[in-house]
N, C-alpha and C. Protein backbone atom coordinates (compact mmCIF):
# COMPACT_ATOMS: atom_id res chain seq x y z
N MET A 1 116.23 76.03 104.94
CA MET A 1 115.26 75.36 105.96
C MET A 1 113.58 75.60 105.28
N SER A 2 113.67 76.94 104.66
CA SER A 2 112.29 77.82 104.70
C SER A 2 111.86 76.79 103.28
N PHE A 3 112.97 76.66 102.42
CA PHE A 3 112.69 76.49 100.87
C PHE A 3 112.43 74.53 100.82
N LEU A 4 112.57 73.73 102.19
CA LEU A 4 112.60 72.59 102.06
C LEU A 4 111.54 71.99 102.79
N ARG A 5 111.06 73.24 103.81
CA ARG A 5 109.84 73.29 104.60
C ARG A 5 108.42 73.72 103.19
N ARG A 6 108.52 74.20 102.81
CA ARG A 6 107.39 75.33 101.50
C ARG A 6 107.34 73.77 100.06
N THR A 7 108.18 73.40 99.82
CA THR A 7 108.15 71.90 98.93
C THR A 7 107.64 71.11 99.82
N LEU A 8 107.97 70.52 101.25
CA LEU A 8 107.33 69.56 101.38
C LEU A 8 105.62 69.44 101.91
N ASN A 9 105.33 70.99 102.56
CA ASN A 9 103.53 71.79 102.54
C ASN A 9 103.30 71.34 100.89
N ARG A 10 103.79 71.84 99.91
CA ARG A 10 103.59 71.56 98.83
C ARG A 10 103.38 70.12 98.15
N LEU A 11 104.38 68.74 98.66
CA LEU A 11 103.62 67.87 97.94
C LEU A 11 102.38 67.58 99.60
N ARG A 12 102.31 68.23 100.19
CA ARG A 12 101.20 67.64 101.58
C ARG A 12 99.56 68.17 100.83
N GLY A 13 99.91 69.62 100.05
CA GLY A 13 98.59 69.76 99.68
C GLY A 13 98.53 71.09 100.41
N HIS A 14 98.99 71.42 101.63
CA HIS A 14 99.22 73.20 101.31
C HIS A 14 100.20 74.07 100.95
N SER A 15 98.38 75.03 101.07
CA SER A 15 98.73 75.89 100.22
C SER A 15 99.17 77.34 100.27
N GLU A 16 100.55 78.12 99.68
CA GLU A 16 100.65 78.74 100.08
C GLU A 16 99.82 80.90 101.18
N SER A 17 100.42 81.38 101.35
CA SER A 17 99.30 82.31 102.43
C SER A 17 98.75 82.94 101.17
N VAL A 18 97.74 83.66 101.42
CA VAL A 18 97.31 84.04 100.76
C VAL A 18 97.55 85.91 100.26
N TYR A 19 98.17 86.29 101.08
CA TYR A 19 99.04 86.93 101.61
C TYR A 19 99.78 87.84 100.31
N GLU A 20 99.93 88.28 100.08
CA GLU A 20 101.20 88.95 98.64
C GLU A 20 101.82 90.47 99.30
N PRO A 21 103.09 90.38 99.89
CA PRO A 21 103.73 91.74 100.53
C PRO A 21 103.78 92.48 99.25
N ALA A 22 103.83 94.08 99.80
CA ALA A 22 103.85 94.96 98.46
C ALA A 22 105.01 94.80 97.81
N GLY A 23 105.58 94.91 96.53
CA GLY A 23 107.44 94.07 96.15
C GLY A 23 107.54 96.59 96.11
N ILE A 24 108.32 96.89 96.42
CA ILE A 24 108.60 98.42 95.64
C ILE A 24 109.49 97.74 94.32
N ILE A 25 109.28 98.58 94.01
CA ILE A 25 110.04 98.66 92.15
C ILE A 25 111.14 98.98 91.97
N HIS A 26 111.40 100.43 92.77
CA HIS A 26 112.00 101.27 92.90
C HIS A 26 112.25 102.77 93.90
N ASN A 27 112.39 103.67 94.24
CA ASN A 27 112.47 104.50 95.17
C ASN A 27 111.25 106.05 94.74
N GLY A 28 110.06 105.46 94.93
CA GLY A 28 108.99 106.46 94.74
C GLY A 28 107.71 104.76 94.07
N GLU A 29 107.89 103.83 93.61
CA GLU A 29 106.59 103.42 93.11
C GLU A 29 106.32 102.24 94.08
N PHE A 30 105.91 101.28 93.75
CA PHE A 30 105.59 100.17 94.04
C PHE A 30 104.33 99.16 93.70
N ARG A 31 104.26 98.25 94.13
CA ARG A 31 103.14 97.54 93.43
C ARG A 31 101.94 96.65 94.94
N PHE A 32 101.87 96.73 94.73
CA PHE A 32 100.40 96.11 95.67
C PHE A 32 99.23 95.32 95.17
N GLY A 33 99.24 93.60 94.98
CA GLY A 33 98.87 93.20 94.51
C GLY A 33 98.18 93.75 93.04
N ASN A 34 96.96 94.36 92.38
CA ASN A 34 96.93 94.38 91.49
C ASN A 34 97.30 96.14 90.72
N TYR A 35 97.72 96.71 92.21
CA TYR A 35 97.28 97.74 92.01
C TYR A 35 98.77 99.14 92.02
N TYR A 36 98.81 99.70 91.13
CA TYR A 36 100.06 100.56 91.02
C TYR A 36 100.56 101.20 91.50
N ALA A 37 101.50 102.68 91.67
CA ALA A 37 101.54 103.87 92.74
C ALA A 37 102.76 103.93 92.17
N GLN A 38 102.50 105.79 92.11
CA GLN A 38 103.72 105.78 92.14
C GLN A 38 103.70 107.55 92.67
N ALA A 39 104.82 107.62 93.16
CA ALA A 39 104.56 108.73 94.13
C ALA A 39 105.36 110.28 93.19
N THR A 40 104.71 111.23 94.32
CA THR A 40 104.83 112.81 94.06
C THR A 40 105.02 113.00 94.67
N PRO A 41 105.91 114.33 94.14
CA PRO A 41 106.93 115.29 95.10
C PRO A 41 106.07 115.87 96.37
N GLN A 42 104.68 115.86 95.59
CA GLN A 42 103.59 116.87 96.97
C GLN A 42 103.98 115.85 98.67
N ARG A 43 104.41 114.40 98.04
CA ARG A 43 104.30 113.49 99.46
C ARG A 43 102.37 112.89 99.39
N THR A 44 101.77 112.28 97.74
CA THR A 44 101.12 111.69 97.83
C THR A 44 101.54 110.82 96.49
N TYR A 45 100.79 109.95 96.53
CA TYR A 45 100.64 108.55 95.48
C TYR A 45 99.62 108.39 94.01
N HIS A 46 100.18 108.59 93.05
CA HIS A 46 98.80 108.38 91.58
C HIS A 46 99.08 106.78 92.33
N VAL A 47 97.94 106.37 91.85
CA VAL A 47 97.67 104.69 92.23
C VAL A 47 96.60 104.71 90.92
N TRP A 48 97.30 103.32 90.35
CA TRP A 48 96.12 102.78 89.57
C TRP A 48 95.99 101.07 89.61
N GLU A 49 94.78 100.64 89.40
CA GLU A 49 94.49 99.68 89.29
C GLU A 49 94.33 98.80 87.77
N GLY A 50 95.54 98.14 87.52
CA GLY A 50 95.73 97.09 86.23
C GLY A 50 96.01 99.04 85.51
N ASN A 51 94.78 98.86 84.29
CA ASN A 51 95.63 99.50 83.77
C ASN A 51 94.63 101.60 83.85
N THR A 52 94.07 101.42 85.00
CA THR A 52 92.44 102.45 85.71
C THR A 52 93.33 103.50 86.24
N TYR A 53 93.28 104.66 86.23
CA TYR A 53 93.87 105.18 87.26
C TYR A 53 92.76 105.38 88.36
N ILE A 54 92.99 105.11 89.91
CA ILE A 54 91.83 105.42 90.07
C ILE A 54 92.08 105.91 91.37
N GLY A 55 93.28 107.69 91.35
CA GLY A 55 93.19 108.63 92.00
C GLY A 55 94.63 109.05 93.46
N GLU A 56 94.18 109.80 93.80
CA GLU A 56 95.48 110.52 94.72
C GLU A 56 95.54 110.44 95.83
N TYR A 57 96.41 108.80 96.10
CA TYR A 57 96.60 108.98 98.12
C TYR A 57 97.93 109.89 99.18
N PRO A 58 97.47 110.42 99.76
CA PRO A 58 98.44 110.95 100.25
C PRO A 58 98.80 109.95 101.66
N GLY A 59 100.21 110.95 102.33
CA GLY A 59 100.53 109.87 102.91
C GLY A 59 101.46 109.16 102.91
N GLU A 60 101.98 108.47 103.80
CA GLU A 60 103.27 107.62 103.44
C GLU A 60 102.83 106.28 103.03
N ARG A 61 103.86 105.69 102.51
CA ARG A 61 104.18 104.15 101.53
C ARG A 61 102.64 103.43 102.17
N ILE A 62 103.39 103.14 103.51
CA ILE A 62 102.07 102.16 104.23
C ILE A 62 100.79 102.59 104.38
N ASP A 63 100.76 103.88 104.63
CA ASP A 63 99.37 104.73 104.77
C ASP A 63 98.48 104.04 103.52
N VAL A 64 99.30 104.12 102.28
CA VAL A 64 98.50 104.00 100.44
C VAL A 64 98.41 102.50 101.06
N VAL A 65 98.56 101.57 101.49
CA VAL A 65 99.47 100.44 101.62
C VAL A 65 97.73 99.66 102.33
N MET A 66 97.36 100.33 103.98
CA MET A 66 96.26 100.05 103.61
C MET A 66 95.23 100.55 103.41
N GLN A 67 95.41 102.03 103.09
CA GLN A 67 93.91 102.54 102.22
C GLN A 67 93.79 101.58 100.86
N LEU A 68 94.48 100.92 100.17
CA LEU A 68 94.45 100.01 99.58
C LEU A 68 94.29 98.23 99.12
N HIS A 69 94.36 98.16 100.58
CA HIS A 69 93.63 96.59 101.50
C HIS A 69 92.31 96.84 101.28
N GLN A 70 92.07 97.67 102.65
CA GLN A 70 90.87 98.35 102.59
C GLN A 70 89.67 98.47 101.73
N ARG A 71 90.24 98.76 100.58
CA ARG A 71 89.67 99.66 99.65
C ARG A 71 89.12 98.06 98.84
N ASN A 72 90.37 96.69 98.69
CA ASN A 72 90.63 95.96 98.07
C ASN A 72 89.48 95.04 98.70
N GLN A 73 89.51 94.61 100.88
CA GLN A 73 88.40 94.08 100.95
C GLN A 73 87.10 94.08 100.78
N GLU A 74 86.94 95.99 100.78
CA GLU A 74 85.38 96.10 100.64
C GLU A 74 84.98 96.71 99.30
N ASN A 75 85.79 95.82 97.74
CA ASN A 75 85.36 95.38 96.96
C ASN A 75 85.29 93.41 96.81
N LYS A 76 85.53 93.35 97.31
CA LYS A 76 85.18 91.54 97.86
C LYS A 76 83.36 91.52 98.23
């Protein structure tokens, strides 16, 4: 049903939502927008924006995604 609804919305000119959920590549790595994060054994994540390393973020995956989302909003 959702496929039909999305198709009809596209035909009417309605766009998809701007939010793009974080995609888990495999255990310990994920993508969020233009960001890529890789887990370390110390429960931190090394984070890249495109090909640029931007630092190490502590916390769980959801905490890192929220920090990256906040960083993304500040840069706009």
